[in-house]
C-alpha atoms as a PDB file:
ATOM      1  CA  MET A   1      19.173 -24.461  -2.054  1.00  0.00           C
ATOM      2  CA  GLN A   2      15.970 -23.503  -3.839  1.00  0.00           C
ATOM      3  CA  ALA A   3      15.579 -20.068  -5.412  1.00  0.00           C
ATOM      4  CA  TRP A   4      13.297 -18.366  -7.893  1.00  0.00           C
ATOM      5  CA  GLN A   5      15.136 -17.080 -10.946  1.00  0.00           C
ATOM      6  CA  VAL A   6      14.184 -14.775 -13.801  1.00  0.00           C
ATOM      7  CA  HIS A   7      15.924 -15.670 -17.073  1.00  0.00           C
ATOM      8  CA  GLU A   8      13.947 -13.316 -19.307  1.00  0.00           C
ATOM      9  CA  ASN A   9      11.690 -10.324 -18.742  1.00  0.00           C
ATOM     10  CA  GLY A  10       7.928 -10.660 -18.664  1.00  0.00           C
ATOM     11  CA  GLU A  11       5.006 -11.229 -16.319  1.00  0.00           C
ATOM     12  CA  PRO A  12       6.161 -12.707 -12.966  1.00  0.00           C
ATOM     13  CA  SER A  13       3.991 -15.814 -13.214  1.00  0.00           C
ATOM     14  CA  GLU A  14       5.516 -16.579 -16.613  1.00  0.00           C
ATOM     15  CA  VAL A  15       9.200 -15.763 -16.123  1.00  0.00           C
ATOM     16  CA  MET A  16       9.886 -16.716 -12.493  1.00  0.00           C
ATOM     17  CA  ARG A  17      11.181 -20.306 -12.273  1.00  0.00           C
ATOM     18  CA  LEU A  18      11.960 -22.263  -9.115  1.00  0.00           C
ATOM     19  CA  ALA A  19      15.337 -23.999  -9.368  1.00  0.00           C
ATOM     20  CA  ASP A  20      17.979 -25.801  -7.320  1.00  0.00           C
ATOM     21  CA  VAL A  21      21.045 -23.569  -7.269  1.00  0.00           C
ATOM     22  CA  GLU A  22      24.224 -23.119  -5.269  1.00  0.00           C
ATOM     23  CA  ARG A  23      24.089 -20.910  -2.221  1.00  0.00           C
ATOM     24  CA  PRO A  24      25.365 -17.424  -3.067  1.00  0.00           C
ATOM     25  CA  THR A  25      28.853 -16.522  -1.916  1.00  0.00           C
ATOM     26  CA  PRO A  26      29.052 -13.198  -0.059  1.00  0.00           C
ATOM     27  CA  GLY A  27      31.400 -10.596  -1.508  1.00  0.00           C
ATOM     28  CA  ASP A  28      33.509  -8.107   0.411  1.00  0.00           C
ATOM     29  CA  GLY A  29      31.457  -6.489   3.144  1.00  0.00           C
ATOM     30  CA  GLN A  30      28.534  -8.858   2.596  1.00  0.00           C
ATOM     31  CA  VAL A  31      26.967 -11.606   4.720  1.00  0.00           C
ATOM     32  CA  LEU A  32      24.994 -14.747   3.941  1.00  0.00           C
ATOM     33  CA  LEU A  33      21.499 -14.753   5.421  1.00  0.00           C
ATOM     34  CA  ARG A  34      18.990 -17.555   5.844  1.00  0.00           C
ATOM     35  CA  VAL A  35      15.695 -16.148   4.640  1.00  0.00           C
ATOM     36  CA  ARG A  36      13.077 -16.340   7.372  1.00  0.00           C
ATOM     37  CA  ALA A  37      10.515 -14.298   5.399  1.00  0.00           C
ATOM     38  CA  ALA A  38      10.547 -12.205   2.225  1.00  0.00           C
ATOM     39  CA  ASN A  39       8.023  -9.449   1.634  1.00  0.00           C
ATOM     40  CA  VAL A  40       6.545  -9.042  -1.854  1.00  0.00           C
ATOM     41  CA  ASN A  41       6.876  -5.508  -3.245  1.00  0.00           C
ATOM     42  CA  PHE A  42       5.593  -3.942  -6.457  1.00  0.00           C
ATOM     43  CA  PRO A  43       9.210  -3.319  -7.586  1.00  0.00           C
ATOM     44  CA  ASP A  44       9.674  -7.107  -7.666  1.00  0.00           C
ATOM     45  CA  ALA A  45       7.068  -7.262 -10.420  1.00  0.00           C
ATOM     46  CA  LEU A  46       8.583  -4.292 -12.227  1.00  0.00           C
ATOM     47  CA  MET A  47      12.006  -5.959 -12.159  1.00  0.00           C
ATOM     48  CA  CYS A  48      10.536  -9.123 -13.640  1.00  0.00           C
ATOM     49  CA  ARG A  49       9.092  -7.004 -16.441  1.00  0.00           C
ATOM     50  CA  GLY A  50      12.348  -5.092 -16.903  1.00  0.00           C
ATOM     51  CA  HIS A  51      10.574  -1.819 -16.067  1.00  0.00           C
ATOM     52  CA  TYR A  52      12.320  -0.919 -12.797  1.00  0.00           C
ATOM     53  CA  GLN A  53      15.120   1.634 -12.479  1.00  0.00           C
ATOM     54  CA  VAL A  54      17.321  -1.141 -11.080  1.00  0.00           C
ATOM     55  CA  ARG A  55      17.950  -3.854 -13.668  1.00  0.00           C
ATOM     56  CA  PRO A  56      19.953  -6.756 -12.248  1.00  0.00           C
ATOM     57  CA  PRO A  57      21.740  -9.009 -14.728  1.00  0.00           C
ATOM     58  CA  LEU A  58      19.858 -12.085 -15.923  1.00  0.00           C
ATOM     59  CA  PRO A  59      19.295 -14.531 -14.372  1.00  0.00           C
ATOM     60  CA  PHE A  60      18.414 -12.936 -11.040  1.00  0.00           C
ATOM     61  CA  THR A  61      16.379 -13.790  -7.970  1.00  0.00           C
ATOM     62  CA  PRO A  62      13.726 -11.148  -7.096  1.00  0.00           C
ATOM     63  CA  GLY A  63      12.864 -10.203  -3.537  1.00  0.00           C
ATOM     64  CA  VAL A  64      14.091  -6.835  -2.287  1.00  0.00           C
ATOM     65  CA  GLU A  65      13.052  -7.013   1.372  1.00  0.00           C
ATOM     66  CA  ILE A  66      13.593  -9.797   3.905  1.00  0.00           C
ATOM     67  CA  CYS A  67      13.773 -10.796   7.508  1.00  0.00           C
ATOM     68  CA  GLY A  68      16.807 -13.020   7.666  1.00  0.00           C
ATOM     69  CA  GLU A  69      19.039 -14.814  10.121  1.00  0.00           C
ATOM     70  CA  THR A  70      22.798 -14.357  10.329  1.00  0.00           C
ATOM     71  CA  GLU A  71      25.198 -17.222  10.848  1.00  0.00           C
ATOM     72  CA  ASP A  72      25.456 -16.274  14.535  1.00  0.00           C
ATOM     73  CA  GLY A  73      21.655 -16.389  14.944  1.00  0.00           C
ATOM     74  CA  ARG A  74      20.721 -12.707  14.853  1.00  0.00           C
ATOM     75  CA  ARG A  75      17.338 -11.848  13.341  1.00  0.00           C
ATOM     76  CA  VAL A  76      17.763  -8.910  10.967  1.00  0.00           C
ATOM     77  CA  ILE A  77      15.957  -6.877   8.316  1.00  0.00           C
ATOM     78  CA  ALA A  78      17.804  -6.456   5.032  1.00  0.00           C
ATOM     79  CA  ASN A  79      17.576  -5.470   1.398  1.00  0.00           C
ATOM     80  CA  PRO A  80      19.289  -8.363  -0.406  1.00  0.00           C
ATOM     81  CA  ALA A  81      22.144  -7.548  -2.770  1.00  0.00           C
ATOM     82  CA  LEU A  82      20.836  -8.400  -6.222  1.00  0.00           C
ATOM     83  CA  PRO A  83      21.054 -10.623  -8.211  1.00  0.00           C
ATOM     84  CA  TYR A  84      20.695 -12.778  -5.065  1.00  0.00           C
ATOM     85  CA  GLY A  85      17.244 -11.615  -3.905  1.00  0.00           C
ATOM     86  CA  GLY A  86      14.988 -12.818  -1.151  1.00  0.00           C
ATOM     87  CA  PHE A  87      12.727 -15.355  -2.884  1.00  0.00           C
ATOM     88  CA  ALA A  88      15.151 -18.113  -1.986  1.00  0.00           C
ATOM     89  CA  GLU A  89      16.289 -20.089   1.025  1.00  0.00           C
ATOM     90  CA  TYR A  90      19.427 -17.952   1.332  1.00  0.00           C
ATOM     91  CA  ALA A  91      20.362 -14.428   0.236  1.00  0.00           C
ATOM     92  CA  VAL A  92      23.285 -12.058   0.633  1.00  0.00           C
ATOM     93  CA  ALA A  93      23.200  -8.492   1.938  1.00  0.00           C
ATOM     94  CA  ASP A  94      25.581  -5.682   2.802  1.00  0.00           C
ATOM     95  CA  ALA A  95      26.687  -6.139   6.396  1.00  0.00           C
ATOM     96  CA  ALA A  96      26.722  -2.401   7.097  1.00  0.00           C
ATOM     97  CA  ALA A  97      23.067  -2.027   6.121  1.00  0.00           C
ATOM     98  CA  LEU A  98      21.596  -4.765   8.349  1.00  0.00           C
ATOM     99  CA  LEU A  99      18.943  -3.583  10.792  1.00  0.00           C
ATOM    100  CA  PRO A 100      17.793  -5.450  13.908  1.00  0.00           C
ATOM    101  CA  ALA A 101      14.347  -7.000  13.499  1.00  0.00           C
ATOM    102  CA  PRO A 102      11.925  -5.563  16.097  1.00  0.00           C
ATOM    103  CA  GLU A 103      11.069  -8.062  18.820  1.00  0.00           C
ATOM    104  CA  ALA A 104       7.441  -6.936  18.689  1.00  0.00           C
ATOM    105  CA  LEU A 105       7.006  -8.313  15.144  1.00  0.00           C
ATOM    106  CA  ASP A 106       7.111 -11.850  13.777  1.00  0.00           C
ATOM    107  CA  ASP A 107       9.256 -12.717  10.752  1.00  0.00           C
ATOM    108  CA  ALA A 108       6.665 -11.856   8.094  1.00  0.00           C
ATOM    109  CA  GLU A 109       5.751  -8.579   9.806  1.00  0.00           C
ATOM    110  CA  ALA A 110       9.408  -7.640  10.252  1.00  0.00           C
ATOM    111  CA  ALA A 111      10.123  -8.331   6.574  1.00  0.00           C
ATOM    112  CA  ALA A 112       7.328  -5.916   5.682  1.00  0.00           C
ATOM    113  CA  LEU A 113       8.451  -3.136   8.012  1.00  0.00           C
ATOM    114  CA  HIS A 114      11.342  -1.801   5.995  1.00  0.00           C
ATOM    115  CA  ILE A 115      10.757  -0.257   2.539  1.00  0.00           C
ATOM    116  CA  GLY A 116       7.076   0.681   2.821  1.00  0.00           C
ATOM    117  CA  TYR A 117       7.352   2.121   6.311  1.00  0.00           C
ATOM    118  CA  GLN A 118      10.658   3.869   5.674  1.00  0.00           C
ATOM    119  CA  THR A 119       9.136   5.386   2.540  1.00  0.00           C
ATOM    120  CA  GLY A 120       6.100   6.486   4.514  1.00  0.00           C
ATOM    121  CA  TRP A 121       8.146   7.962   7.351  1.00  0.00           C
ATOM    122  CA  PHE A 122      10.444   9.903   5.024  1.00  0.00           C
ATOM    123  CA  GLY A 123       7.532  11.015   2.855  1.00  0.00           C
ATOM    124  CA  LEU A 124       5.284  12.188   5.655  1.00  0.00           C
ATOM    125  CA  HIS A 125       7.867  13.561   8.072  1.00  0.00           C
ATOM    126  CA  ARG A 126      11.075  14.403   6.224  1.00  0.00           C
ATOM    127  CA  ARG A 127       9.479  15.677   3.014  1.00  0.00           C
ATOM    128  CA  ALA A 128       5.952  16.824   3.873  1.00  0.00           C
ATOM    129  CA  GLY A 129       6.357  17.802   7.534  1.00  0.00           C
ATOM    130  CA  LEU A 130       3.023  16.283   8.530  1.00  0.00           C
ATOM    131  CA  GLU A 131       1.726  17.807  11.772  1.00  0.00           C
ATOM    132  CA  ALA A 132      -0.782  16.574  14.327  1.00  0.00           C
ATOM    133  CA  GLY A 133      -4.280  17.759  13.501  1.00  0.00           C
ATOM    134  CA  GLU A 134      -3.683  17.945   9.756  1.00  0.00           C
ATOM    135  CA  THR A 135      -5.627  15.913   7.208  1.00  0.00           C
ATOM    136  CA  LEU A 136      -3.719  13.232   5.307  1.00  0.00           C
ATOM    137  CA  LEU A 137      -5.115  11.680   2.128  1.00  0.00           C
ATOM    138  CA  VAL A 138      -3.634   8.317   1.125  1.00  0.00           C
ATOM    139  CA  HIS A 139      -4.229   6.777  -2.292  1.00  0.00           C
ATOM    140  CA  ALA A 140      -4.268   2.954  -2.506  1.00  0.00           C
ATOM    141  CA  ALA A 141      -4.731   2.937   1.245  1.00  0.00           C
ATOM    142  CA  ALA A 142      -5.349  -0.813   1.445  1.00  0.00           C
ATOM    143  CA  GLY A 143      -2.073  -1.777  -0.214  1.00  0.00           C
ATOM    144  CA  GLY A 144       1.246  -2.406   1.495  1.00  0.00           C
ATOM    145  CA  VAL A 145       2.668   1.063   0.856  1.00  0.00           C
ATOM    146  CA  GLY A 146      -0.631   2.837   1.486  1.00  0.00           C
ATOM    147  CA  SER A 147      -1.510   1.009   4.701  1.00  0.00           C
ATOM    148  CA  ALA A 148       1.930   1.849   6.101  1.00  0.00           C
ATOM    149  CA  ALA A 149       1.313   5.542   5.397  1.00  0.00           C
ATOM    150  CA  VAL A 150      -2.120   5.310   7.017  1.00  0.00           C
ATOM    151  CA  GLN A 151      -0.680   3.857  10.217  1.00  0.00           C
ATOM    152  CA  LEU A 152       2.156   6.378  10.325  1.00  0.00           C
ATOM    153  CA  GLY A 153      -0.283   9.213   9.734  1.00  0.00           C
ATOM    154  CA  LYS A 154      -2.478   8.093  12.613  1.00  0.00           C
ATOM    155  CA  ALA A 155       0.583   7.686  14.834  1.00  0.00           C
ATOM    156  CA  ALA A 156       1.484  11.302  14.021  1.00  0.00           C
ATOM    157  CA  GLY A 157      -1.944  12.541  15.095  1.00  0.00           C
ATOM    158  CA  ALA A 158      -3.365  13.229  11.632  1.00  0.00           C
ATOM    159  CA  ARG A 159      -6.899  12.652  10.410  1.00  0.00           C
ATOM    160  CA  VAL A 160      -6.549  10.099   7.612  1.00  0.00           C
ATOM    161  CA  ILE A 161      -8.691   9.719   4.494  1.00  0.00           C
ATOM    162  CA  GLY A 162      -8.027   6.581   2.459  1.00  0.00           C
ATOM    163  CA  VAL A 163      -8.900   6.036  -1.202  1.00  0.00           C
ATOM    164  CA  VAL A 164      -9.329   2.416  -2.319  1.00  0.00           C
ATOM    165  CA  GLY A 165     -10.720   0.425  -5.220  1.00  0.00           C
ATOM    166  CA  GLY A 166     -13.376  -2.007  -4.059  1.00  0.00           C
ATOM    167  CA  ALA A 167     -15.417  -2.989  -1.007  1.00  0.00           C
ATOM    168  CA  ASP A 168     -12.911  -5.574   0.271  1.00  0.00           C
ATOM    169  CA  LYS A 169     -10.132  -3.000   0.146  1.00  0.00           C
ATOM    170  CA  ALA A 170     -12.342  -0.532   1.983  1.00  0.00           C
ATOM    171  CA  VAL A 171     -12.516  -2.995   4.878  1.00  0.00           C
ATOM    172  CA  ALA A 172      -8.702  -3.331   4.893  1.00  0.00           C
ATOM    173  CA  ALA A 173      -8.275   0.454   4.865  1.00  0.00           C
ATOM    174  CA  ARG A 174     -10.549   0.805   7.873  1.00  0.00           C
ATOM    175  CA  ASP A 175      -8.600  -1.928   9.642  1.00  0.00           C
ATOM    176  CA  ALA A 176      -5.414   0.052   8.929  1.00  0.00           C
ATOM    177  CA  GLY A 177      -6.920   3.007  10.781  1.00  0.00           C
ATOM    178  CA  CYS A 178      -8.490   5.316   8.199  1.00  0.00           C
ATOM    179  CA  ASP A 179     -10.982   7.784   9.640  1.00  0.00           C
ATOM    180  CA  VAL A 180     -12.720   8.119   6.268  1.00  0.00           C
ATOM    181  CA  VAL A 181     -12.629   5.590   3.415  1.00  0.00           C
ATOM    182  CA  ILE A 182     -13.564   6.467  -0.174  1.00  0.00           C
ATOM    183  CA  ASP A 183     -14.175   3.713  -2.736  1.00  0.00           C
ATOM    184  CA  ARG A 184     -13.110   5.232  -6.051  1.00  0.00           C
ATOM    185  CA  ARG A 185     -15.183   2.613  -7.917  1.00  0.00           C
ATOM    186  CA  ALA A 186     -18.399   3.671  -6.242  1.00  0.00           C
ATOM    187  CA  GLU A 187     -17.836   7.324  -5.336  1.00  0.00           C
ATOM    188  CA  ASP A 188     -16.602  10.572  -6.857  1.00  0.00           C
ATOM    189  CA  VAL A 189     -13.242  10.944  -5.112  1.00  0.00           C
ATOM    190  CA  VAL A 190     -12.998  14.718  -5.489  1.00  0.00           C
ATOM    191  CA  ALA A 191     -16.522  15.348  -4.216  1.00  0.00           C
ATOM    192  CA  ALA A 192     -16.108  12.890  -1.342  1.00  0.00           C
ATOM    193  CA  VAL A 193     -12.837  14.456  -0.163  1.00  0.00           C
ATOM    194  CA  LYS A 194     -14.291  17.947  -0.300  1.00  0.00           C
ATOM    195  CA  GLU A 195     -17.315  16.787   1.678  1.00  0.00           C
ATOM    196  CA  ALA A 196     -15.133  15.059   4.276  1.00  0.00           C
ATOM    197  CA  THR A 197     -12.991  18.181   4.723  1.00  0.00           C
ATOM    198  CA  GLY A 198     -15.691  20.814   4.603  1.00  0.00           C
ATOM    199  CA  GLY A 199     -14.365  22.001   1.260  1.00  0.00           C
ATOM    200  CA  ARG A 200     -10.885  22.723   2.630  1.00  0.00           C
ATOM    201  CA  GLY A 201      -9.078  19.736   1.127  1.00  0.00           C
ATOM    202  CA  ALA A 202      -6.189  17.621   2.404  1.00  0.00           C
ATOM    203  CA  ASP A 203      -3.022  19.126   3.875  1.00  0.00           C
ATOM    204  CA  VAL A 204      -0.818  16.209   2.792  1.00  0.00           C
ATOM    205  CA  ILE A 205      -1.525  13.757  -0.019  1.00  0.00           C
ATOM    206  CA  TYR A 206       0.453  10.528  -0.301  1.00  0.00           C
ATOM    207  CA  ASP A 207       0.387   9.183  -3.858  1.00  0.00           C
ATOM    208  CA  PRO A 208       1.977   5.870  -4.862  1.00  0.00           C
ATOM    209  CA  VAL A 209      -0.404   5.570  -7.832  1.00  0.00           C
ATOM    210  CA  GLY A 210       0.022   8.479 -10.261  1.00  0.00           C
ATOM    211  CA  GLY A 211      -2.303   8.772 -13.250  1.00  0.00           C
ATOM    212  CA  ASP A 212      -5.859   9.750 -12.349  1.00  0.00           C
ATOM    213  CA  ALA A 213      -5.028   9.669  -8.642  1.00  0.00           C
ATOM    214  CA  TYR A 214      -2.545  12.494  -9.087  1.00  0.00           C
ATOM    215  CA  THR A 215      -5.069  14.539 -11.069  1.00  0.00           C
ATOM    216  CA  GLN A 216      -7.590  14.067  -8.253  1.00  0.00           C
ATOM    217  CA  SER A 217      -4.948  15.133  -5.737  1.00  0.00           C
ATOM    218  CA  THR A 218      -4.451  18.504  -7.426  1.00  0.00           C
ATOM    219  CA  LYS A 219      -8.187  19.148  -7.137  1.00  0.00           C
ATOM    220  CA  VAL A 220      -8.424  18.404  -3.424  1.00  0.00           C
ATOM    221  CA  VAL A 221      -5.104  19.632  -2.023  1.00  0.00           C
ATOM    222  CA  ALA A 222      -5.538  22.369   0.588  1.00  0.00           C
ATOM    223  CA  PHE A 223      -3.959  25.820   0.579  1.00  0.00           C
ATOM    224  CA  GLU A 224      -0.233  25.308   1.281  1.00  0.00           C
ATOM    225  CA  GLY A 225      -0.815  21.577   0.989  1.00  0.00           C
ATOM    226  CA  ARG A 226       1.826  19.045  -0.029  1.00  0.00           C
ATOM    227  CA  ILE A 227       1.510  16.243  -2.591  1.00  0.00           C
ATOM    228  CA  VAL A 228       4.119  13.517  -2.023  1.00  0.00           C
ATOM    229  CA  VAL A 229       4.848  11.596  -5.219  1.00  0.00           C
ATOM    230  CA  VAL A 230       5.967   8.085  -4.221  1.00  0.00           C
ATOM    231  CA  GLY A 231       5.396   5.969  -7.328  1.00  0.00           C
ATOM    232  CA  PHE A 232       3.270   5.195 -10.340  1.00  0.00           C
ATOM    233  CA  ALA A 233       1.473   1.909  -9.685  1.00  0.00           C
ATOM    234  CA  SER A 234      -1.144   2.932 -12.255  1.00  0.00           C
ATOM    235  CA  GLY A 235       1.515   2.780 -14.952  1.00  0.00           C
ATOM    236  CA  THR A 236       0.870   6.411 -15.920  1.00  0.00           C
ATOM    237  CA  ILE A 237       3.394   9.108 -14.994  1.00  0.00           C
ATOM    238  CA  PRO A 238       1.616  12.478 -14.638  1.00  0.00           C
ATOM    239  CA  SER A 239       2.796  15.705 -16.260  1.00  0.00           C
ATOM    240  CA  PRO A 240       2.098  18.351 -13.594  1.00  0.00           C
ATOM    241  CA  ALA A 241       0.683  21.721 -14.594  1.00  0.00           C
ATOM    242  CA  LEU A 242       3.024  23.948 -12.608  1.00  0.00           C
ATOM    243  CA  ASN A 243       0.834  27.001 -13.135  1.00  0.00           C
ATOM    244  CA  HIS A 244      -1.823  25.151 -11.137  1.00  0.00           C
ATOM    245  CA  ALA A 245       0.615  24.601  -8.251  1.00  0.00           C
ATOM    246  CA  LEU A 246       1.408  28.309  -8.364  1.00  0.00           C
ATOM    247  CA  VAL A 247      -2.213  29.444  -8.358  1.00  0.00           C
ATOM    248  CA  LYS A 248      -3.254  27.125  -5.499  1.00  0.00           C
ATOM    249  CA  ASN A 249      -0.066  27.480  -3.413  1.00  0.00           C
ATOM    250  CA  TYR A 250       0.724  23.789  -3.038  1.00  0.00           C
ATOM    251  CA  SER A 251       3.975  21.839  -3.165  1.00  0.00           C
ATOM    252  CA  ILE A 252       4.827  18.772  -5.240  1.00  0.00           C
ATOM    253  CA  LEU A 253       7.406  16.674  -3.412  1.00  0.00           C
ATOM    254  CA  GLY A 254       9.259  13.742  -4.945  1.00  0.00           C
ATOM    255  CA  LEU A 255      10.456  10.869  -2.793  1.00  0.00           C
ATOM    256  CA  HIS A 256      12.992   8.218  -3.821  1.00  0.00           C
ATOM    257  CA  TRP A 257      13.692   6.525  -0.499  1.00  0.00           C
ATOM    258  CA  GLY A 258      16.589   4.462  -1.836  1.00  0.00           C
ATOM    259  CA  LEU A 259      18.700   7.600  -2.276  1.00  0.00           C
ATOM    260  CA  TYR A 260      18.961   8.022   1.485  1.00  0.00           C
ATOM    261  CA  ASN A 261      20.955   4.783   1.689  1.00  0.00           C
ATOM    262  CA  THR A 262      23.804   6.519  -0.120  1.00  0.00           C
ATOM    263  CA  LYS A 263      23.119  10.231   0.482  1.00  0.00           C
ATOM    264  CA  ASN A 264      22.366  10.083   4.211  1.00  0.00           C
ATOM    265  CA  PRO A 265      22.379   6.532   5.626  1.00  0.00           C
ATOM    266  CA  LYS A 266      22.297   7.792   9.230  1.00  0.00           C
ATOM    267  CA  LEU A 267      18.755   8.980   8.582  1.00  0.00           C
ATOM    268  CA  VAL A 268      17.748   5.447   7.555  1.00  0.00           C
ATOM    269  CA  LEU A 269      19.015   4.119  10.884  1.00  0.00           C
ATOM    270  CA  HIS A 270      17.265   6.940  12.759  1.00  0.00           C
ATOM    271  CA  CYS A 271      14.039   6.128  10.926  1.00  0.00           C
ATOM    272  CA  HIS A 272      14.353   2.442  11.832  1.00  0.00           C
ATOM    273  CA  GLU A 273      14.756   3.381  15.477  1.00  0.00           C
ATOM    274  CA  GLN A 274      11.570   5.433  15.268  1.00  0.00           C
ATOM    275  CA  LEU A 275       9.704   2.585  13.550  1.00  0.00           C
ATOM    276  CA  THR A 276      10.934   0.049  16.117  1.00  0.00           C
ATOM    277  CA  GLU A 277       9.654   2.261  18.925  1.00  0.00           C
ATOM    278  CA  LEU A 278       6.281   2.673  17.217  1.00  0.00           C
ATOM    279  CA  ALA A 279       6.034  -1.101  16.702  1.00  0.00           C
ATOM    280  CA  ALA A 280       6.938  -1.757  20.339  1.00  0.00           C
ATOM    281  CA  ARG A 281       3.999   0.328  21.562  1.00  0.00           C
ATOM    282  CA  GLY A 282       1.623  -1.085  18.960  1.00  0.00           C
ATOM    283  CA  ALA A 283       1.201   2.153  16.994  1.00  0.00           C
ATOM    284  CA  ILE A 284       2.208   0.416  13.763  1.00  0.00           C
ATOM    285  CA  LYS A 285       1.998  -3.215  12.666  1.00  0.00           C
ATOM    286  CA  PRO A 286       2.327  -4.390   9.050  1.00  0.00           C
ATOM    287  CA  LEU A 287      -0.923  -5.869   7.749  1.00  0.00           C
ATOM    288  CA  VAL A 288       0.252  -9.246   6.466  1.00  0.00           C
ATOM    289  CA  SER A 289      -2.736 -10.616   4.583  1.00  0.00           C
ATOM    290  CA  GLU A 290      -1.034 -13.761   3.279  1.00  0.00           C
ATOM    291  CA  ARG A 291       1.882 -15.970   4.271  1.00  0.00           C
ATOM    292  CA  VAL A 292       2.799 -18.306   1.431  1.00  0.00           C
ATOM    293  CA  PRO A 293       5.474 -21.011   1.076  1.00  0.00           C
ATOM    294  CA  LEU A 294       8.461 -20.503  -1.207  1.00  0.00           C
ATOM    295  CA  ALA A 295       6.708 -22.487  -3.942  1.00  0.00           C
ATOM    296  CA  GLY A 296       3.966 -19.849  -4.034  1.00  0.00           C
ATOM    297  CA  ALA A 297       6.254 -16.852  -4.595  1.00  0.00           C
ATOM    298  CA  ALA A 298       5.687 -16.392  -8.347  1.00  0.00           C
ATOM    299  CA  ALA A 299       1.908 -16.460  -7.971  1.00  0.00           C
ATOM    300  CA  ALA A 300       2.167 -14.022  -5.053  1.00  0.00           C
ATOM    301  CA  VAL A 301       4.272 -11.550  -7.030  1.00  0.00           C
ATOM    302  CA  GLN A 302       1.745 -11.765  -9.877  1.00  0.00           C
ATOM    303  CA  ARG A 303      -1.156 -11.008  -7.519  1.00  0.00           C
ATOM    304  CA  VAL A 304       0.666  -7.944  -6.222  1.00  0.00           C
ATOM    305  CA  ALA A 305       1.420  -6.909  -9.819  1.00  0.00           C
ATOM    306  CA  ASP A 306      -2.273  -7.263 -10.684  1.00  0.00           C
ATOM    307  CA  GLY A 307      -3.322  -5.108  -7.726  1.00  0.00           C
ATOM    308  CA  VAL A 308      -5.639  -7.715  -6.218  1.00  0.00           C
ATOM    309  CA  THR A 309      -3.981  -8.000  -2.796  1.00  0.00           C
ATOM    310  CA  THR A 310      -4.498  -6.044   0.402  1.00  0.00           C
ATOM    311  CA  GLY A 311      -1.790  -5.251   2.917  1.00  0.00           C
ATOM    312  CA  ARG A 312       1.365  -7.306   2.541  1.00  0.00           C
ATOM    313  CA  VAL A 313       2.063 -10.771   1.138  1.00  0.00           C
ATOM    314  CA  ALA A 314       5.032 -12.581   2.685  1.00  0.00           C
ATOM    315  CA  VAL A 315       6.937 -15.568   1.344  1.00  0.00           C
ATOM    316  CA  VAL A 316       7.973 -17.815   4.238  1.00  0.00           C
ATOM    317  CA  PRO A 317      10.314 -20.668   3.214  1.00  0.00           C
ATOM    318  CA  SER A 318       9.754 -22.592   6.466  1.00  0.00           C
ATOM    319  CA  LEU A 319       6.098 -23.061   5.524  1.00  0.00           C
ATOM    320  CA  GLU A 320       7.263 -25.663   2.987  1.00  0.00           C
ATOM    321  CA  ASN A 321       7.790 -28.006   5.932  1.00  0.00           C
ATOM    322  CA  GLY A 322       4.648 -26.994   7.760  1.00  0.00           C
ATOM    323  CA  ALA A 323       6.435 -24.776  10.234  1.00  0.00           C
ATOM    324  CA  ALA A 324       4.833 -21.598  11.533  1.00  0.00           C
ATOM    325  CA  ALA A 325       6.160 -18.183  10.583  1.00  0.00           C
END
């Protein structure tokens, strides 16, 4: 089979190499899956660079989220068991963690439903307790993680403000459902949020960016508001001033979704059931901006790493032969 492998750490476009390798052999409790579609995530780029908290042994195949097919023909969503990731024709995954792919979504959409939407659901509902009628502010609202949070916020009855970087991303954020879109390159984010909320600020802030975005969040969070820290795509990890949180009465909530897989896996299944129901009634639908063949995986991961994509980019091996996803 063909698979992308990383033999040394560095930029994805430089260290990912497409090779002919043997199909992986499943271990105890694992299954072999034919990859129908693999979603590109920012952690794939971080793993290539050696900067992610999970560091698979070299060489490894990136790709942490797939829609795959079991040997008996079931279409499933899975997180491949590294080092045999999803940017390949076949991957392995833990049998106990397989989730049924929603019938309402095609392969690329189903591959993109898992990590970003689970993270959004846990962040907004489990951690922040988002309520209908509240204002949700989402940083990087045009990206895969951000657009998922936007859709989930709208499905929960919130008013959603999206912050983006650039006019093209503003269009994508509106398509995702944002009620208000702020272009951080052309507007003062703090002033724009205060204007949009009548000076009150946002009840819940969803931050996968860190850096300046986090600083802006502390200036626009409402009384008894909640800032959900999801990641640091900016590359800068903030150092919160806890006296500020005390004075303004807001909460800083961390979210590492992966922990639920070991700490409380039943919640992951419950979340998937909720997401499947939302997808079935059209309340959520991953914004897949690109579907690329397996040969285009390295370039796709690099584009996600560079922050130039909107929505989700999916690698679809069947496109090599001209087949539709």
